[in-house]
Amino acid sequence: MCGRHEQRRRKRRAPNREQLVQTLEERQKDLEQEIADIHDVLRRLREQGATPTTAEPAPSI
């Protein structure tokens, strides 16, 4: 027979205010770095699009 399996859940305490602020500040720094990285990639792509490439021209149909 199948018995009832109860899940034991560990109750995590909510972080105190200082821990929450620290965690959020770290996350904010990470996000700001990601935004800076994306900005750099976009800038490079735009610069590459503005300069003519040495690729062969597309054939006309």
PDB file of N, CA and C in Angstrom:
ATOM      1  N   MET A   1       0.828  -1.171   0.000  1.00  0.00           N
ATOM      2  CA  MET A   1       0.000   0.000   0.000  1.00  0.00           C
ATOM      3  C   MET A   1       0.882   1.247   0.000  1.00  0.00           C
ATOM      4  N   CYS A   2       0.360   2.210  -0.620  1.00  0.00           N
ATOM      5  CA  CYS A   2       1.106   3.461  -0.688  1.00  0.00           C
ATOM      6  C   CYS A   2       0.812   4.292   0.546  1.00  0.00           C
ATOM      7  N   GLY A   3       1.850   4.650   1.203  1.00  0.00           N
ATOM      8  CA  GLY A   3       1.677   5.517   2.362  1.00  0.00           C
ATOM      9  C   GLY A   3       1.687   6.969   1.932  1.00  0.00           C
ATOM     10  N   ARG A   4       1.271   7.796   2.803  1.00  0.00           N
ATOM     11  CA  ARG A   4       1.250   9.229   2.503  1.00  0.00           C
ATOM     12  C   ARG A   4       2.644   9.798   2.768  1.00  0.00           C
ATOM     13  N   HIS A   5       3.171  10.433   1.772  1.00  0.00           N
ATOM     14  CA  HIS A   5       4.500  11.025   1.905  1.00  0.00           C
ATOM     15  C   HIS A   5       4.333  12.513   2.157  1.00  0.00           C
ATOM     16  N   GLU A   6       4.777  12.908   3.291  1.00  0.00           N
ATOM     17  CA  GLU A   6       4.697  14.327   3.615  1.00  0.00           C
ATOM     18  C   GLU A   6       6.019  14.988   3.279  1.00  0.00           C
ATOM     19  N   GLN A   7       5.916  16.110   2.671  1.00  0.00           N
ATOM     20  CA  GLN A   7       7.129  16.843   2.338  1.00  0.00           C
ATOM     21  C   GLN A   7       7.512  17.720   3.515  1.00  0.00           C
ATOM     22  N   ARG A   8       8.749  17.633   3.848  1.00  0.00           N
ATOM     23  CA  ARG A   8       9.245  18.509   4.904  1.00  0.00           C
ATOM     24  C   ARG A   8       9.811  19.749   4.236  1.00  0.00           C
ATOM     25  N   ARG A   9       9.214  20.824   4.499  1.00  0.00           N
ATOM     26  CA  ARG A   9       9.664  22.078   3.909  1.00  0.00           C
ATOM     27  C   ARG A   9      10.465  22.848   4.943  1.00  0.00           C
ATOM     28  N   ARG A  10      11.599  23.274   4.503  1.00  0.00           N
ATOM     29  CA  ARG A  10      12.406  24.111   5.375  1.00  0.00           C
ATOM     30  C   ARG A  10      11.910  25.532   5.236  1.00  0.00           C
ATOM     31  N   LYS A  11      11.605  26.094   6.318  1.00  0.00           N
ATOM     32  CA  LYS A  11      11.140  27.479   6.278  1.00  0.00           C
ATOM     33  C   LYS A  11      12.355  28.391   6.323  1.00  0.00           C
ATOM     34  N   ARG A  12      12.517  29.129   5.256  1.00  0.00           N
ATOM     35  CA  ARG A  12      13.607  30.095   5.223  1.00  0.00           C
ATOM     36  C   ARG A  12      13.140  31.362   5.881  1.00  0.00           C
ATOM     37  N   ARG A  13      13.976  31.843   6.733  1.00  0.00           N
ATOM     38  CA  ARG A  13      13.638  33.115   7.358  1.00  0.00           C
ATOM     39  C   ARG A  13      13.838  34.224   6.343  1.00  0.00           C
ATOM     40  N   ALA A  14      12.991  35.183   6.418  1.00  0.00           N
ATOM     41  CA  ALA A  14      13.140  36.335   5.541  1.00  0.00           C
ATOM     42  C   ALA A  14      14.414  37.071   5.948  1.00  0.00           C
ATOM     43  N   PRO A  15      15.170  37.568   4.963  1.00  0.00           N
ATOM     44  CA  PRO A  15      16.402  38.281   5.315  1.00  0.00           C
ATOM     45  C   PRO A  15      16.080  39.565   6.064  1.00  0.00           C
ATOM     46  N   ASN A  16      16.990  39.923   6.954  1.00  0.00           N
ATOM     47  CA  ASN A  16      16.746  41.177   7.657  1.00  0.00           C
ATOM     48  C   ASN A  16      16.990  42.333   6.689  1.00  0.00           C
ATOM     49  N   ARG A  17      16.692  43.506   7.125  1.00  0.00           N
ATOM     50  CA  ARG A  17      16.749  44.684   6.260  1.00  0.00           C
ATOM     51  C   ARG A  17      18.144  44.894   5.672  1.00  0.00           C
ATOM     52  N   GLU A  18      19.181  44.740   6.495  1.00  0.00           N
ATOM     53  CA  GLU A  18      20.547  44.961   6.021  1.00  0.00           C
ATOM     54  C   GLU A  18      20.932  43.942   4.946  1.00  0.00           C
ATOM     55  N   GLN A  19      20.567  42.688   5.163  1.00  0.00           N
ATOM     56  CA  GLN A  19      20.869  41.656   4.175  1.00  0.00           C
ATOM     57  C   GLN A  19      20.116  41.914   2.877  1.00  0.00           C
ATOM     58  N   LEU A  20      18.875  42.330   3.003  1.00  0.00           N
ATOM     59  CA  LEU A  20      18.070  42.612   1.821  1.00  0.00           C
ATOM     60  C   LEU A  20      18.669  43.760   1.019  1.00  0.00           C
ATOM     61  N   VAL A  21      19.062  44.825   1.712  1.00  0.00           N
ATOM     62  CA  VAL A  21      19.664  45.971   1.034  1.00  0.00           C
ATOM     63  C   VAL A  21      20.962  45.551   0.349  1.00  0.00           C
ATOM     64  N   GLN A  22      21.785  44.771   1.045  1.00  0.00           N
ATOM     65  CA  GLN A  22      23.050  44.323   0.468  1.00  0.00           C
ATOM     66  C   GLN A  22      22.819  43.460  -0.769  1.00  0.00           C
ATOM     67  N   THR A  23      21.875  42.545  -0.675  1.00  0.00           N
ATOM     68  CA  THR A  23      21.564  41.668  -1.804  1.00  0.00           C
ATOM     69  C   THR A  23      21.059  42.470  -2.998  1.00  0.00           C
ATOM     70  N   LEU A  24      20.183  43.414  -2.742  1.00  0.00           N
ATOM     71  CA  LEU A  24      19.636  44.228  -3.831  1.00  0.00           C
ATOM     72  C   LEU A  24      20.703  45.125  -4.455  1.00  0.00           C
ATOM     73  N   GLU A  25      21.611  45.664  -3.635  1.00  0.00           N
ATOM     74  CA  GLU A  25      22.682  46.494  -4.177  1.00  0.00           C
ATOM     75  C   GLU A  25      23.617  45.673  -5.065  1.00  0.00           C
ATOM     76  N   GLU A  26      23.923  44.449  -4.647  1.00  0.00           N
ATOM     77  CA  GLU A  26      24.764  43.576  -5.468  1.00  0.00           C
ATOM     78  C   GLU A  26      24.077  43.260  -6.788  1.00  0.00           C
ATOM     79  N   ARG A  27      22.787  42.980  -6.718  1.00  0.00           N
ATOM     80  CA  ARG A  27      22.027  42.680  -7.940  1.00  0.00           C
ATOM     81  C   ARG A  27      21.994  43.892  -8.863  1.00  0.00           C
ATOM     82  N   GLN A  28      21.856  45.080  -8.268  1.00  0.00           N
ATOM     83  CA  GLN A  28      21.841  46.300  -9.060  1.00  0.00           C
ATOM     84  C   GLN A  28      23.173  46.483  -9.788  1.00  0.00           C
ATOM     85  N   LYS A  29      24.291  46.227  -9.102  1.00  0.00           N
ATOM     86  CA  LYS A  29      25.602  46.344  -9.742  1.00  0.00           C
ATOM     87  C   LYS A  29      25.723  45.360 -10.898  1.00  0.00           C
ATOM     88  N   ASP A  30      25.248  44.137 -10.685  1.00  0.00           N
ATOM     89  CA  ASP A  30      25.287  43.132 -11.749  1.00  0.00           C
ATOM     90  C   ASP A  30      24.480  43.587 -12.960  1.00  0.00           C
ATOM     91  N   LEU A  31      23.294  44.117 -12.705  1.00  0.00           N
ATOM     92  CA  LEU A  31      22.439  44.574 -13.803  1.00  0.00           C
ATOM     93  C   LEU A  31      23.059  45.765 -14.527  1.00  0.00           C
ATOM     94  N   GLU A  32      23.670  46.680 -13.773  1.00  0.00           N
ATOM     95  CA  GLU A  32      24.318  47.824 -14.401  1.00  0.00           C
ATOM     96  C   GLU A  32      25.463  47.369 -15.298  1.00  0.00           C
ATOM     97  N   GLN A  33      26.206  46.345 -14.869  1.00  0.00           N
ATOM     98  CA  GLN A  33      27.294  45.819 -15.695  1.00  0.00           C
ATOM     99  C   GLN A  33      26.740  45.168 -16.957  1.00  0.00           C
ATOM    100  N   GLU A  34      25.640  44.442 -16.829  1.00  0.00           N
ATOM    101  CA  GLU A  34      25.016  43.831 -18.002  1.00  0.00           C
ATOM    102  C   GLU A  34      24.560  44.897 -18.986  1.00  0.00           C
ATOM    103  N   ILE A  35      23.982  45.975 -18.477  1.00  0.00           N
ATOM    104  CA  ILE A  35      23.526  47.067 -19.341  1.00  0.00           C
ATOM    105  C   ILE A  35      24.716  47.694 -20.052  1.00  0.00           C
ATOM    106  N   ALA A  36      25.822  47.892 -19.335  1.00  0.00           N
ATOM    107  CA  ALA A  36      27.018  48.461 -19.953  1.00  0.00           C
ATOM    108  C   ALA A  36      27.545  47.538 -21.047  1.00  0.00           C
ATOM    109  N   ASP A  37      27.530  46.240 -20.804  1.00  0.00           N
ATOM    110  CA  ASP A  37      27.981  45.280 -21.814  1.00  0.00           C
ATOM    111  C   ASP A  37      27.095  45.338 -23.056  1.00  0.00           C
ATOM    112  N   ILE A  38      25.795  45.398 -22.849  1.00  0.00           N
ATOM    113  CA  ILE A  38      24.857  45.477 -23.974  1.00  0.00           C
ATOM    114  C   ILE A  38      25.073  46.774 -24.747  1.00  0.00           C
ATOM    115  N   HIS A  39      25.303  47.859 -24.021  1.00  0.00           N
ATOM    116  CA  HIS A  39      25.557  49.150 -24.664  1.00  0.00           C
ATOM    117  C   HIS A  39      26.797  49.064 -25.555  1.00  0.00           C
ATOM    118  N   ASP A  40      27.853  48.420 -25.058  1.00  0.00           N
ATOM    119  CA  ASP A  40      29.076  48.276 -25.849  1.00  0.00           C
ATOM    120  C   ASP A  40      28.833  47.452 -27.111  1.00  0.00           C
ATOM    121  N   VAL A  41      28.086  46.373 -26.982  1.00  0.00           N
ATOM    122  CA  VAL A  41      27.792  45.531 -28.144  1.00  0.00           C
ATOM    123  C   VAL A  41      26.978  46.316 -29.172  1.00  0.00           C
ATOM    124  N   LEU A  42      25.978  47.038 -28.718  1.00  0.00           N
ATOM    125  CA  LEU A  42      25.162  47.843 -29.636  1.00  0.00           C
ATOM    126  C   LEU A  42      26.012  48.901 -30.335  1.00  0.00           C
ATOM    127  N   ARG A  43      26.895  49.548 -29.584  1.00  0.00           N
ATOM    128  CA  ARG A  43      27.754  50.574 -30.166  1.00  0.00           C
ATOM    129  C   ARG A  43      28.643  49.973 -31.250  1.00  0.00           C
ATOM    130  N   ARG A  44      29.246  48.808 -30.962  1.00  0.00           N
ATOM    131  CA  ARG A  44      30.103  48.162 -31.956  1.00  0.00           C
ATOM    132  C   ARG A  44      29.313  47.763 -33.195  1.00  0.00           C
ATOM    133  N   LEU A  45      28.111  47.234 -32.999  1.00  0.00           N
ATOM    134  CA  LEU A  45      27.292  46.835 -34.144  1.00  0.00           C
ATOM    135  C   LEU A  45      26.903  48.039 -34.991  1.00  0.00           C
ATOM    136  N   ARG A  46      26.583  49.145 -34.328  1.00  0.00           N
ATOM    137  CA  ARG A  46      26.225  50.353 -35.079  1.00  0.00           C
ATOM    138  C   ARG A  46      27.424  50.892 -35.844  1.00  0.00           C
ATOM    139  N   GLU A  47      28.606  50.849 -35.206  1.00  0.00           N
ATOM    140  CA  GLU A  47      29.812  51.320 -35.886  1.00  0.00           C
ATOM    141  C   GLU A  47      30.134  50.437 -37.084  1.00  0.00           C
ATOM    142  N   GLN A  48      29.965  49.149 -36.947  1.00  0.00           N
ATOM    143  CA  GLN A  48      30.220  48.235 -38.055  1.00  0.00           C
ATOM    144  C   GLN A  48      29.215  48.459 -39.175  1.00  0.00           C
ATOM    145  N   GLY A  49      27.987  48.774 -38.823  1.00  0.00           N
ATOM    146  CA  GLY A  49      26.964  49.029 -39.834  1.00  0.00           C
ATOM    147  C   GLY A  49      27.212  50.327 -40.572  1.00  0.00           C
ATOM    148  N   ALA A  50      27.874  51.289 -39.934  1.00  0.00           N
ATOM    149  CA  ALA A  50      28.135  52.583 -40.551  1.00  0.00           C
ATOM    150  C   ALA A  50      29.332  52.521 -41.486  1.00  0.00           C
ATOM    151  N   THR A  51      30.270  51.615 -41.234  1.00  0.00           N
ATOM    152  CA  THR A  51      31.443  51.508 -42.098  1.00  0.00           C
ATOM    153  C   THR A  51      31.183  50.463 -43.171  1.00  0.00           C
ATOM    154  N   PRO A  52      31.585  50.750 -44.399  1.00  0.00           N
ATOM    155  CA  PRO A  52      31.370  49.765 -45.465  1.00  0.00           C
ATOM    156  C   PRO A  52      32.249  48.539 -45.236  1.00  0.00           C
ATOM    157  N   THR A  53      31.691  47.391 -45.511  1.00  0.00           N
ATOM    158  CA  THR A  53      32.436  46.146 -45.356  1.00  0.00           C
ATOM    159  C   THR A  53      33.054  45.761 -46.685  1.00  0.00           C
ATOM    160  N   THR A  54      34.006  44.854 -46.655  1.00  0.00           N
ATOM    161  CA  THR A  54      34.671  44.418 -47.881  1.00  0.00           C
ATOM    162  C   THR A  54      33.999  43.186 -48.466  1.00  0.00           C
ATOM    163  N   ALA A  55      32.819  42.879 -48.007  1.00  0.00           N
ATOM    164  CA  ALA A  55      32.096  41.706 -48.509  1.00  0.00           C
ATOM    165  C   ALA A  55      31.616  41.973 -49.933  1.00  0.00           C
ATOM    166  N   GLU A  56      31.336  40.896 -50.640  1.00  0.00           N
ATOM    167  CA  GLU A  56      30.845  41.015 -52.008  1.00  0.00           C
ATOM    168  C   GLU A  56      29.444  41.618 -52.000  1.00  0.00           C
ATOM    169  N   PRO A  57      29.140  42.432 -52.998  1.00  0.00           N
ATOM    170  CA  PRO A  57      27.788  43.005 -53.055  1.00  0.00           C
ATOM    171  C   PRO A  57      26.750  41.921 -53.308  1.00  0.00           C
ATOM    172  N   ALA A  58      25.569  42.159 -52.818  1.00  0.00           N
ATOM    173  CA  ALA A  58      24.479  41.205 -53.004  1.00  0.00           C
ATOM    174  C   ALA A  58      24.058  41.201 -54.466  1.00  0.00           C
ATOM    175  N   PRO A  59      23.815  40.040 -55.036  1.00  0.00           N
ATOM    176  CA  PRO A  59      23.404  39.977 -56.444  1.00  0.00           C
ATOM    177  C   PRO A  59      22.006  40.561 -56.632  1.00  0.00           C
ATOM    178  N   SER A  60      21.818  41.259 -57.751  1.00  0.00           N
ATOM    179  CA  SER A  60      20.492  41.809 -58.062  1.00  0.00           C
ATOM    180  C   SER A  60      19.661  40.737 -58.721  1.00  0.00           C
ATOM    181  N   ILE A  61      18.416  40.745 -58.377  1.00  0.00           N
ATOM    182  CA  ILE A  61      17.513  39.749 -58.969  1.00  0.00           C
ATOM    183  C   ILE A  61      16.649  40.421 -59.997  1.00  0.00           C
TER     184      ILE A  61
END
